[in-house]
Protein backbone atom coordinates (compact mmCIF):
# COMPACT_ATOMS: atom_id res chain seq x y z
CA MET A 1 -18.81 8.05 22.14
CA THR A 2 -18.82 5.85 19.02
CA LYS A 3 -17.22 2.29 18.64
CA THR A 4 -14.45 2.53 15.85
CA LYS A 5 -15.53 0.04 12.78
CA THR A 6 -12.69 -2.64 12.21
CA PRO A 7 -12.87 -4.23 9.07
CA PRO A 8 -13.77 -7.70 8.91
CA LYS A 9 -10.71 -10.38 9.02
CA ASN A 10 -11.64 -11.75 5.55
CA LEU A 11 -11.70 -8.79 4.02
CA SER A 12 -9.59 -8.71 0.61
CA PHE A 13 -7.20 -6.03 0.35
CA GLU A 14 -8.49 -4.88 -3.31
CA LYS A 15 -11.89 -4.64 -1.26
CA ALA A 16 -10.35 -2.62 1.41
CA LEU A 17 -8.48 -0.10 -1.16
CA GLU A 18 -11.39 0.23 -2.86
CA ARG A 19 -13.43 0.83 0.86
CA LEU A 20 -10.49 3.51 1.31
CA GLN A 21 -10.79 5.54 -2.00
CA GLU A 22 -14.60 5.80 -1.27
CA ILE A 23 -13.57 6.92 2.39
CA VAL A 24 -11.06 9.55 0.78
CA SER A 25 -13.97 10.74 -1.71
CA GLU A 26 -16.58 11.13 1.23
CA LEU A 27 -13.67 13.15 3.70
CA GLU A 28 -13.01 15.67 0.65
CA ASP A 29 -16.62 16.50 0.42
CA PRO A 30 -17.10 19.88 2.52
CA GLU A 31 -20.28 19.21 3.47
CA LYS A 32 -19.37 16.69 5.76
CA GLY A 33 -20.26 17.03 10.08
CA LEU A 34 -17.27 16.56 11.99
CA GLU A 35 -18.80 13.46 13.80
CA ALA A 36 -19.31 11.83 10.43
CA SER A 37 -15.88 12.40 9.04
CA LEU A 38 -14.04 11.22 12.39
CA GLU A 39 -15.91 8.04 11.58
CA LEU A 40 -14.48 7.60 8.64
CA PHE A 41 -11.26 8.59 9.18
CA GLU A 42 -11.31 5.96 11.96
CA GLU A 43 -12.34 3.38 10.05
CA GLY A 44 -9.84 4.58 6.99
CA VAL A 45 -6.91 4.03 9.48
CA ALA A 46 -8.58 0.90 10.51
CA LEU A 47 -8.32 -0.42 6.59
CA SER A 48 -5.03 1.56 6.25
CA ARG A 49 -3.16 -1.45 8.84
CA LEU A 50 -5.59 -4.59 7.48
CA CYS A 51 -4.11 -3.30 3.88
CA ARG A 52 -0.09 -2.56 5.72
CA SER A 53 -0.15 -5.96 7.31
CA ARG A 54 -1.44 -7.31 4.20
CA ILE A 55 1.35 -6.17 2.28
CA ASP A 56 3.45 -6.99 4.91
CA GLU A 57 2.28 -10.43 4.58
CA ILE A 58 2.92 -11.08 1.10
CA GLN A 59 6.33 -8.93 1.16
CA LYS A 60 7.15 -12.13 3.87
CA ARG A 61 6.15 -14.61 1.40
CA VAL A 62 7.52 -13.79 -1.36
CA ASP A 63 11.25 -13.18 0.49
CA VAL A 64 10.92 -17.13 1.42
CA VAL A 65 10.06 -18.14 -2.01
CA LEU A 66 13.20 -16.25 -3.05
CA LYS A 67 15.41 -17.80 -0.48
CA GLU A 68 13.79 -21.33 -1.82
CA THR A 69 14.81 -20.15 -5.20
CA PRO A 70 17.86 -22.55 -6.53
CA GLU A 71 18.72 -20.16 -8.70
CA GLY A 72 19.11 -17.67 -5.79
CA LEU A 73 17.79 -14.74 -7.11
CA ALA A 74 18.84 -11.15 -5.58
CA THR A 75 16.56 -9.12 -4.45
CA GLY A 76 16.58 -5.29 -3.65
CA PRO A 77 14.36 -2.16 -3.28
CA LEU A 78 12.34 -1.52 -6.89
CA ASP A 79 13.45 2.08 -6.26
CA GLU A 80 17.28 1.72 -6.38
CA GLU A 81 17.10 -0.48 -9.67
CA LEU A 82 14.97 1.84 -11.51
CA ASP A 83 17.21 4.67 -10.47
CA ASP A 84 19.90 2.73 -11.89
CA ASP A 85 18.18 2.44 -14.58
CA VAL A 86 17.50 5.82 -15.47
CA GLU A 87 21.07 6.80 -14.88
CA ASP A 88 22.53 4.13 -17.45
CA ASP A 89 19.85 5.69 -20.35
CA ASP A 90 21.38 9.60 -18.81
CA ASP A 91 24.51 8.29 -19.99
CA GLU A 92 23.42 6.70 -23.37
CA ASP A 93 22.09 10.59 -24.65
CA ALA A 94 25.91 12.12 -22.77
CA PRO A 95 27.87 13.50 -26.29
CA ARG A 96 31.24 11.03 -25.99
């Protein structure tokens, strides 16, 4: 039985993401054997969890900074803001 390869604790987000991209490319190789593919998959899952953890940490730090801002900046999901902008643009083109 193989031991799951865990990423180093000091691995940067960028390096982890780069390695994930390499793994995806390797997994797309039809010549890759089942065992090798499984090992790559396990490594990819570990890297994915590391990236998610780093993103969560950064989000918490951003939230703290925004809460401490005297101006009291409002935060919200980026997708909603983009959707609102698209809707506003559509209204401009509508006949009056």
